[in-house]
């Protein structure tokens, strides 16, 4: 039986439990729908009711309600009942920051792609 000391390894790999990766994947799956992203962008500007979201989103009320339910169950948005109305809010300012960071990342990626397209067109 061979026993290897730590000196035989170039690097130590620290493994994160699969459950953490699964939780992260589920979180990003929650954000992985265009209507949900649009809802979050609108809520980043302030709390809104379904009636205020509907004309901005362009979905049927039942579909919007379904998307809000997904966000609410994931803890991304909160719903507060005010009389007969439900007001939706982003649950944490970190979600708003994530939206801003993703916009910045996409802007950089897309501008790089435009530069590559310009180079390709110039070579033709």
N, C-alpha and C. Protein backbone atom coordinates (compact mmCIF):
# COMPACT_ATOMS: atom_id res chain seq x y z
N UNK A 1 0.85 -1.18 0.00
CA UNK A 1 0.00 0.00 0.00
C UNK A 1 0.89 1.23 0.00
N UNK A 2 0.63 2.14 -0.96
CA UNK A 2 1.40 3.37 -1.04
C UNK A 2 0.68 4.47 -0.29
N UNK A 3 1.42 5.22 0.45
CA UNK A 3 0.87 6.39 1.12
C UNK A 3 1.60 7.59 0.55
N UNK A 4 0.83 8.55 0.02
CA UNK A 4 1.42 9.74 -0.58
C UNK A 4 1.38 10.88 0.42
N UNK A 5 2.48 11.54 0.53
CA UNK A 5 2.48 12.74 1.37
C UNK A 5 2.02 13.91 0.52
N UNK A 6 1.72 15.00 1.17
CA UNK A 6 1.25 16.20 0.47
C UNK A 6 2.29 16.73 -0.51
N UNK A 7 3.57 16.40 -0.28
CA UNK A 7 4.64 16.87 -1.16
C UNK A 7 4.51 16.32 -2.58
N UNK A 8 3.77 15.24 -2.76
CA UNK A 8 3.63 14.63 -4.07
C UNK A 8 2.57 15.31 -4.93
N UNK A 9 1.87 16.28 -4.39
CA UNK A 9 0.81 16.94 -5.13
C UNK A 9 1.22 18.37 -5.45
N UNK A 10 0.98 18.78 -6.67
CA UNK A 10 1.29 20.16 -7.07
C UNK A 10 0.33 21.16 -6.46
N UNK A 11 -0.90 20.75 -6.28
CA UNK A 11 -1.91 21.66 -5.74
C UNK A 11 -2.92 20.86 -4.93
N UNK A 12 -3.49 21.52 -3.99
CA UNK A 12 -4.56 20.91 -3.22
C UNK A 12 -5.86 21.45 -3.79
N UNK A 13 -6.75 20.58 -4.14
CA UNK A 13 -8.03 20.99 -4.67
C UNK A 13 -9.03 21.00 -3.53
N UNK A 14 -9.59 22.16 -3.29
CA UNK A 14 -10.62 22.28 -2.26
C UNK A 14 -11.95 22.07 -2.96
N UNK A 15 -12.69 21.11 -2.52
CA UNK A 15 -13.97 20.79 -3.15
C UNK A 15 -15.10 21.45 -2.38
N UNK A 16 -15.94 22.14 -3.15
CA UNK A 16 -17.14 22.73 -2.58
C UNK A 16 -18.23 21.69 -2.70
N UNK A 17 -19.00 21.49 -1.65
CA UNK A 17 -20.07 20.48 -1.74
C UNK A 17 -20.98 20.73 -2.93
N UNK A 18 -21.38 19.65 -3.59
CA UNK A 18 -22.28 19.77 -4.74
C UNK A 18 -23.55 20.52 -4.38
N UNK A 19 -23.99 20.41 -3.15
CA UNK A 19 -25.23 21.07 -2.76
C UNK A 19 -25.12 22.58 -2.91
N UNK A 20 -23.95 23.15 -2.63
CA UNK A 20 -23.76 24.58 -2.81
C UNK A 20 -23.85 24.95 -4.29
N UNK A 21 -23.24 24.14 -5.14
CA UNK A 21 -23.33 24.38 -6.58
C UNK A 21 -24.78 24.25 -7.05
N UNK A 22 -25.47 23.29 -6.48
CA UNK A 22 -26.88 23.09 -6.85
C UNK A 22 -27.71 24.29 -6.46
N UNK A 23 -27.48 24.82 -5.26
CA UNK A 23 -28.23 25.99 -4.80
C UNK A 23 -27.95 27.19 -5.71
N UNK A 24 -26.69 27.37 -6.08
CA UNK A 24 -26.34 28.48 -6.99
C UNK A 24 -27.01 28.29 -8.35
N UNK A 25 -26.98 27.06 -8.85
CA UNK A 25 -27.60 26.79 -10.15
C UNK A 25 -29.09 27.07 -10.11
N UNK A 26 -29.75 26.68 -9.04
CA UNK A 26 -31.18 26.94 -8.89
C UNK A 26 -31.46 28.44 -8.83
N UNK A 27 -30.61 29.17 -8.13
CA UNK A 27 -30.77 30.62 -8.04
C UNK A 27 -30.68 31.25 -9.44
N UNK A 28 -29.66 30.86 -10.20
CA UNK A 28 -29.52 31.44 -11.54
C UNK A 28 -30.61 30.95 -12.49
N UNK A 29 -31.11 29.73 -12.27
CA UNK A 29 -32.26 29.27 -13.07
C UNK A 29 -33.47 30.15 -12.80
N UNK A 30 -33.63 30.56 -11.56
CA UNK A 30 -34.74 31.46 -11.21
C UNK A 30 -34.64 32.75 -12.00
N UNK A 31 -33.43 33.23 -12.19
CA UNK A 31 -33.22 34.48 -12.93
C UNK A 31 -33.20 34.25 -14.45
N UNK A 32 -33.27 33.00 -14.88
CA UNK A 32 -33.07 32.67 -16.28
C UNK A 32 -34.29 32.78 -17.17
N UNK A 33 -35.15 33.73 -16.93
CA UNK A 33 -36.32 33.94 -17.78
C UNK A 33 -36.41 35.43 -18.09
N UNK A 34 -36.56 35.80 -19.36
CA UNK A 34 -36.59 37.23 -19.72
C UNK A 34 -37.65 38.04 -18.97
N UNK A 35 -38.81 37.45 -18.75
CA UNK A 35 -39.87 38.19 -18.04
C UNK A 35 -39.46 38.46 -16.60
N UNK A 36 -38.80 37.49 -15.98
CA UNK A 36 -38.37 37.68 -14.59
C UNK A 36 -37.29 38.75 -14.49
N UNK A 37 -36.39 38.76 -15.44
CA UNK A 37 -35.35 39.81 -15.46
C UNK A 37 -36.01 41.17 -15.62
N UNK A 38 -36.97 41.26 -16.53
CA UNK A 38 -37.68 42.54 -16.74
C UNK A 38 -38.41 42.98 -15.48
N UNK A 39 -39.06 42.05 -14.80
CA UNK A 39 -39.74 42.37 -13.54
C UNK A 39 -38.73 42.93 -12.54
N UNK A 40 -37.60 42.26 -12.40
CA UNK A 40 -36.59 42.72 -11.45
C UNK A 40 -36.04 44.09 -11.82
N UNK A 41 -35.84 44.33 -13.11
CA UNK A 41 -35.36 45.66 -13.54
C UNK A 41 -36.37 46.74 -13.17
N UNK A 42 -37.65 46.45 -13.36
CA UNK A 42 -38.69 47.42 -13.00
C UNK A 42 -38.76 47.62 -11.49
N UNK A 43 -38.66 46.53 -10.74
CA UNK A 43 -38.71 46.64 -9.28
C UNK A 43 -37.47 47.32 -8.72
N UNK A 44 -36.38 47.28 -9.46
CA UNK A 44 -35.16 47.98 -9.02
C UNK A 44 -35.42 49.48 -8.95
N UNK A 45 -36.38 49.96 -9.74
CA UNK A 45 -36.74 51.39 -9.73
C UNK A 45 -37.76 51.71 -8.65
N UNK A 46 -38.30 50.69 -7.99
CA UNK A 46 -39.27 50.93 -6.92
C UNK A 46 -40.33 49.86 -6.88
N UNK A 47 -41.00 49.77 -5.75
CA UNK A 47 -42.05 48.78 -5.54
C UNK A 47 -43.19 49.00 -6.53
N UNK A 48 -43.83 47.89 -6.93
CA UNK A 48 -44.94 47.98 -7.89
C UNK A 48 -45.98 46.92 -7.62
N UNK A 49 -47.18 47.22 -8.06
CA UNK A 49 -48.27 46.25 -8.02
C UNK A 49 -48.31 45.51 -9.35
N UNK A 50 -49.08 44.43 -9.39
CA UNK A 50 -49.25 43.70 -10.65
C UNK A 50 -49.83 44.63 -11.71
N UNK A 51 -50.80 45.45 -11.31
CA UNK A 51 -51.41 46.39 -12.24
C UNK A 51 -50.41 47.37 -12.83
N UNK A 52 -49.42 47.75 -12.06
CA UNK A 52 -48.38 48.66 -12.57
C UNK A 52 -47.36 47.92 -13.43
N UNK A 53 -47.13 46.65 -13.13
CA UNK A 53 -46.16 45.86 -13.90
C UNK A 53 -46.71 45.41 -15.25
N UNK A 54 -48.00 45.09 -15.30
CA UNK A 54 -48.59 44.51 -16.51
C UNK A 54 -48.31 45.29 -17.79
N UNK A 55 -48.59 46.60 -17.85
CA UNK A 55 -48.35 47.30 -19.11
C UNK A 55 -46.87 47.37 -19.50
N UNK A 56 -46.01 47.31 -18.50
CA UNK A 56 -44.57 47.38 -18.77
C UNK A 56 -44.00 46.06 -19.26
N UNK A 57 -44.59 44.96 -18.80
CA UNK A 57 -44.07 43.63 -19.09
C UNK A 57 -44.61 43.08 -20.40
N UNK A 58 -45.88 43.34 -20.68
CA UNK A 58 -46.47 42.84 -21.92
C UNK A 58 -46.86 41.38 -21.86
N UNK A 59 -47.13 40.86 -20.68
CA UNK A 59 -47.60 39.48 -20.52
C UNK A 59 -49.05 39.49 -20.09
N UNK A 60 -49.71 38.35 -20.23
CA UNK A 60 -51.04 38.21 -19.67
C UNK A 60 -50.91 38.17 -18.15
N UNK A 61 -51.95 38.59 -17.45
CA UNK A 61 -51.91 38.66 -15.99
C UNK A 61 -51.55 37.32 -15.36
N UNK A 62 -52.09 36.22 -15.91
CA UNK A 62 -51.81 34.90 -15.32
C UNK A 62 -50.33 34.53 -15.47
N UNK A 63 -49.74 34.87 -16.62
CA UNK A 63 -48.33 34.57 -16.85
C UNK A 63 -47.45 35.43 -15.94
N UNK A 64 -47.78 36.71 -15.80
CA UNK A 64 -47.02 37.59 -14.91
C UNK A 64 -47.11 37.08 -13.48
N UNK A 65 -48.30 36.68 -13.07
CA UNK A 65 -48.50 36.16 -11.72
C UNK A 65 -47.64 34.92 -11.48
N UNK A 66 -47.56 34.07 -12.49
CA UNK A 66 -46.74 32.86 -12.40
C UNK A 66 -45.27 33.23 -12.23
N UNK A 67 -44.79 34.19 -13.02
CA UNK A 67 -43.38 34.60 -12.93
C UNK A 67 -43.08 35.25 -11.58
N UNK A 68 -44.00 36.06 -11.09
CA UNK A 68 -43.83 36.67 -9.77
C UNK A 68 -43.80 35.59 -8.68
N UNK A 69 -44.60 34.56 -8.84
CA UNK A 69 -44.61 33.45 -7.89
C UNK A 69 -43.27 32.74 -7.82
N UNK A 70 -42.66 32.53 -8.98
CA UNK A 70 -41.34 31.89 -9.02
C UNK A 70 -40.33 32.75 -8.27
N UNK A 71 -40.34 34.05 -8.54
CA UNK A 71 -39.41 34.96 -7.86
C UNK A 71 -39.68 35.03 -6.36
N UNK A 72 -40.93 35.01 -5.99
CA UNK A 72 -41.29 35.09 -4.57
C UNK A 72 -40.88 33.82 -3.82
N UNK A 73 -41.16 32.65 -4.41
CA UNK A 73 -40.79 31.39 -3.76
C UNK A 73 -39.28 31.25 -3.61
N UNK A 74 -38.53 31.84 -4.53
CA UNK A 74 -37.07 31.79 -4.45
C UNK A 74 -36.51 32.83 -3.47
N UNK A 75 -37.38 33.71 -2.98
CA UNK A 75 -36.93 34.73 -2.03
C UNK A 75 -36.28 35.93 -2.68
N UNK A 76 -36.45 36.06 -3.99
CA UNK A 76 -35.84 37.17 -4.73
C UNK A 76 -36.69 38.43 -4.61
N UNK A 77 -38.01 38.25 -4.55
CA UNK A 77 -38.92 39.37 -4.33
C UNK A 77 -39.80 39.07 -3.13
N UNK A 78 -40.35 40.13 -2.56
CA UNK A 78 -41.32 39.98 -1.48
C UNK A 78 -42.65 40.55 -1.95
N UNK A 79 -43.71 40.06 -1.35
CA UNK A 79 -45.05 40.53 -1.67
C UNK A 79 -45.71 40.99 -0.37
N UNK A 80 -46.20 42.22 -0.38
CA UNK A 80 -46.86 42.78 0.79
C UNK A 80 -48.28 43.16 0.41
N UNK A 81 -49.23 42.67 1.17
CA UNK A 81 -50.63 42.98 0.88
C UNK A 81 -50.99 44.31 1.51
N UNK A 82 -51.51 45.21 0.69
CA UNK A 82 -51.99 46.51 1.15
C UNK A 82 -53.44 46.64 0.72
N UNK A 83 -54.35 46.31 1.62
CA UNK A 83 -55.77 46.28 1.26
C UNK A 83 -56.02 45.13 0.32
N UNK A 84 -56.59 45.44 -0.86
CA UNK A 84 -56.85 44.42 -1.87
C UNK A 84 -55.70 44.27 -2.86
N UNK A 85 -54.65 45.04 -2.66
CA UNK A 85 -53.54 45.07 -3.60
C UNK A 85 -52.30 44.41 -3.01
N UNK A 86 -51.53 43.75 -3.89
CA UNK A 86 -50.26 43.17 -3.47
C UNK A 86 -49.15 44.00 -4.11
N UNK A 87 -48.23 44.45 -3.27
CA UNK A 87 -47.10 45.26 -3.72
C UNK A 87 -45.85 44.38 -3.71
N UNK A 88 -45.15 44.36 -4.83
CA UNK A 88 -43.93 43.55 -4.96
C UNK A 88 -42.71 44.43 -4.82
N UNK A 89 -41.69 43.87 -4.16
CA UNK A 89 -40.42 44.57 -3.93
C UNK A 89 -39.27 43.59 -4.12
N UNK A 90 -38.11 44.12 -4.45
CA UNK A 90 -36.91 43.30 -4.48
C UNK A 90 -36.54 43.01 -3.03
N UNK A 91 -36.24 41.75 -2.74
CA UNK A 91 -36.01 41.32 -1.36
C UNK A 91 -34.71 41.84 -0.77
N UNK A 92 -33.71 42.09 -1.61
CA UNK A 92 -32.41 42.52 -1.11
C UNK A 92 -31.76 43.46 -2.11
N UNK A 93 -31.06 44.49 -1.62
CA UNK A 93 -30.35 45.38 -2.54
C UNK A 93 -29.27 44.64 -3.34
N UNK A 94 -28.84 43.50 -2.85
CA UNK A 94 -27.83 42.72 -3.57
C UNK A 94 -28.37 42.27 -4.93
N UNK A 95 -29.67 42.01 -5.02
CA UNK A 95 -30.28 41.62 -6.30
C UNK A 95 -30.16 42.77 -7.29
N UNK A 96 -30.40 43.99 -6.83
CA UNK A 96 -30.26 45.16 -7.69
C UNK A 96 -28.81 45.32 -8.14
N UNK A 97 -27.88 45.08 -7.23
CA UNK A 97 -26.46 45.14 -7.58
C UNK A 97 -26.11 44.08 -8.61
N UNK A 98 -26.66 42.88 -8.45
CA UNK A 98 -26.41 41.80 -9.40
C UNK A 98 -26.91 42.18 -10.80
N UNK A 99 -28.06 42.81 -10.88
CA UNK A 99 -28.58 43.27 -12.17
C UNK A 99 -27.63 44.28 -12.81
N UNK A 100 -27.11 45.21 -12.01
CA UNK A 100 -26.19 46.23 -12.52
C UNK A 100 -24.88 45.60 -12.99
N UNK A 101 -24.36 44.66 -12.22
CA UNK A 101 -23.11 43.98 -12.59
C UNK A 101 -23.31 43.17 -13.87
N UNK A 102 -24.44 42.49 -13.99
CA UNK A 102 -24.69 41.69 -15.19
C UNK A 102 -24.82 42.59 -16.42
N UNK A 103 -25.44 43.75 -16.25
CA UNK A 103 -25.55 44.70 -17.36
C UNK A 103 -24.17 45.18 -17.79
N UNK A 104 -23.32 45.46 -16.80
CA UNK A 104 -21.96 45.92 -17.09
C UNK A 104 -21.16 44.82 -17.80
N UNK A 105 -21.29 43.59 -17.32
CA UNK A 105 -20.58 42.46 -17.94
C UNK A 105 -21.05 42.25 -19.38
N UNK A 106 -22.37 42.29 -19.59
CA UNK A 106 -22.90 42.11 -20.94
C UNK A 106 -22.48 43.24 -21.86
N UNK A 107 -22.46 44.45 -21.35
CA UNK A 107 -22.02 45.58 -22.17
C UNK A 107 -20.60 45.36 -22.65
N UNK A 108 -19.73 44.90 -21.75
CA UNK A 108 -18.35 44.62 -22.12
C UNK A 108 -18.24 43.49 -23.13
N UNK A 109 -18.97 42.41 -22.89
CA UNK A 109 -18.94 41.27 -23.80
C UNK A 109 -19.46 41.64 -25.18
N UNK A 110 -20.58 42.35 -25.20
CA UNK A 110 -21.17 42.72 -26.49
C UNK A 110 -20.32 43.72 -27.24
N UNK A 111 -19.68 44.64 -26.53
CA UNK A 111 -18.82 45.60 -27.23
C UNK A 111 -17.60 44.90 -27.81
N UNK A 112 -17.09 43.86 -27.11
CA UNK A 112 -16.00 43.06 -27.67
C UNK A 112 -16.45 42.34 -28.93
N UNK A 113 -17.68 41.82 -28.93
CA UNK A 113 -18.19 41.12 -30.10
C UNK A 113 -18.38 42.08 -31.27
N UNK A 114 -18.81 43.29 -30.99
CA UNK A 114 -18.96 44.30 -32.05
C UNK A 114 -17.60 44.61 -32.65
N UNK A 115 -16.59 44.72 -31.81
CA UNK A 115 -15.24 45.00 -32.31
C UNK A 115 -14.75 43.86 -33.20
N UNK A 116 -15.03 42.61 -32.81
CA UNK A 116 -14.64 41.46 -33.63
C UNK A 116 -15.39 41.48 -34.95
N UNK A 117 -16.69 41.77 -34.92
CA UNK A 117 -17.48 41.86 -36.16
C UNK A 117 -16.93 42.95 -37.07
N UNK A 118 -16.58 44.09 -36.50
CA UNK A 118 -16.00 45.17 -37.30
C UNK A 118 -14.70 44.72 -37.96
N UNK A 119 -13.87 44.00 -37.22
CA UNK A 119 -12.61 43.49 -37.79
C UNK A 119 -12.89 42.50 -38.91
N UNK A 120 -13.87 41.62 -38.71
CA UNK A 120 -14.21 40.64 -39.75
C UNK A 120 -14.73 41.32 -41.00
N UNK A 121 -15.56 42.33 -40.82
CA UNK A 121 -16.09 43.06 -41.98
C UNK A 121 -14.99 43.81 -42.71
N UNK A 122 -14.03 44.31 -41.98
CA UNK A 122 -12.92 45.05 -42.60
C UNK A 122 -12.04 44.13 -43.44
N UNK A 123 -11.96 42.85 -43.05
CA UNK A 123 -11.13 41.88 -43.78
C UNK A 123 -11.79 41.39 -45.06
N UNK A 124 -13.08 41.65 -45.24
CA UNK A 124 -13.78 41.13 -46.43
C UNK A 124 -13.49 41.93 -47.63
